[in-house]
Amino acid sequence: MKHILVIDDAATVRLYHRNILETAGYSVSEAINGIEALEKALVKSYDLYVVDVNMPKLDGYGFLKEFRRHEDITQAPAIMVSTEAGTHDKALGYAAGANLYLTKPIKPNELLSYTRLLLGDVA
């Protein structure tokens, strides 16, 4: 079973993403900010990261930049999901190491389609 880490400071958003992904058969863990996510990623490898941008302590850009610097951990794909929809925001996301940048609110089938694509779970 593929394991996904959902990183978002909003409990409702984490629950929303968790429900979509678990219903599709994925195992899901959560982190409330970039620091907690980095700590989790350093001790356990995940198959995919779903990352919010605006979070306290360490935002999504900071998390991805730091995560991508660690050559000793698996470099799994990351989907950045944010309310920030500008071209500049997307460019920052990709520069930080995101494989995909999606704007909230994200539809369940959209999240699943991209998750399956990035994890190679397409039929």
Protein backbone atom coordinates (compact mmCIF):
# COMPACT_ATOMS: atom_id res chain seq x y z
CA MET A 1 0.00 0.00 0.00
CA LYS A 2 1.36 3.42 -0.94
CA HIS A 3 1.75 5.92 1.88
CA ILE A 4 1.05 9.64 1.49
CA LEU A 5 1.93 12.50 3.85
CA VAL A 6 -0.62 15.34 3.87
CA ILE A 7 0.90 18.58 5.19
CA ASP A 8 -1.53 21.39 6.05
CA ASP A 9 -2.13 23.52 9.14
CA ALA A 10 -5.92 23.35 8.67
CA ALA A 11 -7.43 20.22 10.23
CA THR A 12 -10.45 20.36 7.88
CA VAL A 13 -8.21 20.35 4.80
CA ARG A 14 -6.12 17.45 6.15
CA LEU A 15 -9.31 15.48 6.83
CA TYR A 16 -10.70 16.30 3.37
CA HIS A 17 -7.53 15.07 1.62
CA ARG A 18 -7.24 12.06 3.95
CA ASN A 19 -10.82 10.94 3.19
CA ILE A 20 -10.31 11.21 -0.57
CA LEU A 21 -7.00 9.34 -0.52
CA GLU A 22 -7.96 6.63 2.00
CA THR A 23 -11.20 5.91 0.13
CA ALA A 24 -9.02 5.25 -2.93
CA GLY A 25 -6.92 2.75 -0.94
CA TYR A 26 -3.92 4.83 0.09
CA SER A 27 -2.45 4.98 3.58
CA VAL A 28 -2.30 8.58 4.86
CA SER A 29 -0.32 10.33 7.59
CA GLU A 30 -0.59 14.00 8.50
CA ALA A 31 1.66 16.88 9.53
CA ILE A 32 0.52 20.33 10.65
CA ASN A 33 3.52 22.30 9.32
CA GLY A 34 6.75 21.96 7.40
CA ILE A 35 8.88 21.26 10.49
CA GLU A 36 6.72 18.31 11.57
CA ALA A 37 6.63 17.05 7.97
CA LEU A 38 10.41 17.19 7.69
CA GLU A 39 10.80 15.31 10.98
CA LYS A 40 8.44 12.59 9.72
CA ALA A 41 10.10 12.40 6.29
CA LEU A 42 13.52 11.91 7.88
CA VAL A 43 12.41 8.78 9.77
CA LYS A 44 9.94 7.24 7.32
CA SER A 45 9.75 7.39 3.58
CA TYR A 46 6.49 8.32 1.90
CA ASP A 47 5.45 7.68 -1.68
CA LEU A 48 3.90 11.12 -2.16
CA TYR A 49 3.65 14.45 -0.33
CA VAL A 50 0.59 16.74 -0.54
CA VAL A 51 1.86 20.12 0.66
CA ASP A 52 0.06 23.35 1.59
CA VAL A 53 1.92 26.64 1.06
CA ASN A 54 0.83 28.88 3.95
CA MET A 55 1.70 27.25 7.28
CA PRO A 56 3.28 28.48 10.52
CA LYS A 57 6.88 27.63 11.53
CA LEU A 58 7.91 26.40 8.06
CA ASP A 59 5.79 26.98 4.97
CA GLY A 60 5.37 24.60 2.05
CA TYR A 61 8.08 26.25 -0.04
CA GLY A 62 10.55 26.00 2.84
CA PHE A 63 9.61 22.39 3.51
CA LEU A 64 10.13 21.33 -0.11
CA LYS A 65 13.43 23.20 -0.45
CA GLU A 66 14.77 21.56 2.71
CA PHE A 67 13.32 18.14 1.82
CA ARG A 68 14.90 18.20 -1.65
CA ARG A 69 18.32 19.00 -0.10
CA HIS A 70 18.40 15.67 1.76
CA GLU A 71 19.96 13.17 -0.58
CA ASP A 72 19.72 10.44 2.06
CA ILE A 73 15.91 10.32 1.96
CA THR A 74 13.70 9.08 -0.83
CA GLN A 75 12.87 11.88 -3.23
CA ALA A 76 9.18 11.14 -3.66
CA PRO A 77 6.95 13.39 -5.76
CA ALA A 78 5.16 16.33 -4.17
CA ILE A 79 1.87 18.03 -5.04
CA MET A 80 1.64 21.58 -3.76
CA VAL A 81 -1.98 22.56 -3.03
CA SER A 82 -2.65 26.20 -2.18
CA THR A 83 -5.12 29.07 -2.32
CA GLU A 84 -2.26 31.12 -3.83
CA ALA A 85 -3.09 30.97 -7.54
CA GLY A 86 -0.73 33.48 -9.14
CA THR A 87 1.89 32.64 -11.74
CA HIS A 88 4.57 33.82 -9.30
CA ASP A 89 3.26 31.46 -6.59
CA LYS A 90 3.33 28.51 -8.97
CA ALA A 91 6.85 29.40 -10.11
CA LEU A 92 7.97 29.47 -6.47
CA GLY A 93 6.36 26.06 -5.92
CA TYR A 94 8.13 24.46 -8.85
CA ALA A 95 11.42 26.15 -7.91
CA ALA A 96 11.09 24.71 -4.40
CA GLY A 97 10.73 21.20 -5.82
CA ALA A 98 7.02 20.59 -6.41
CA ASN A 99 6.13 18.17 -9.19
CA LEU A 100 2.68 19.72 -9.52
CA TYR A 101 0.96 22.88 -8.24
CA LEU A 102 -2.81 22.82 -7.76
CA THR A 103 -5.12 25.59 -6.54
CA LYS A 104 -7.62 25.03 -3.71
CA PRO A 105 -10.33 23.97 -3.56
CA ILE A 106 -9.28 20.82 -5.36
CA LYS A 107 -11.91 18.39 -6.60
CA PRO A 108 -11.63 14.80 -5.31
CA ASN A 109 -11.28 13.28 -8.80
CA GLU A 110 -8.59 15.82 -9.68
CA LEU A 111 -6.55 14.97 -6.57
CA LEU A 112 -6.92 11.25 -7.27
CA SER A 113 -6.03 11.54 -10.96
CA TYR A 114 -2.80 13.41 -10.23
CA THR A 115 -1.98 11.16 -7.27
CA ARG A 116 -2.34 8.05 -9.41
CA LEU A 117 -0.32 9.62 -12.21
CA LEU A 118 2.58 10.64 -9.94
CA LEU A 119 2.58 7.26 -8.20
CA GLY A 120 2.40 5.30 -11.44
CA ASP A 121 -0.99 3.82 -10.47
CA VAL A 122 -2.59 4.40 -13.85
CA ALA A 123 -4.18 1.50 -15.70
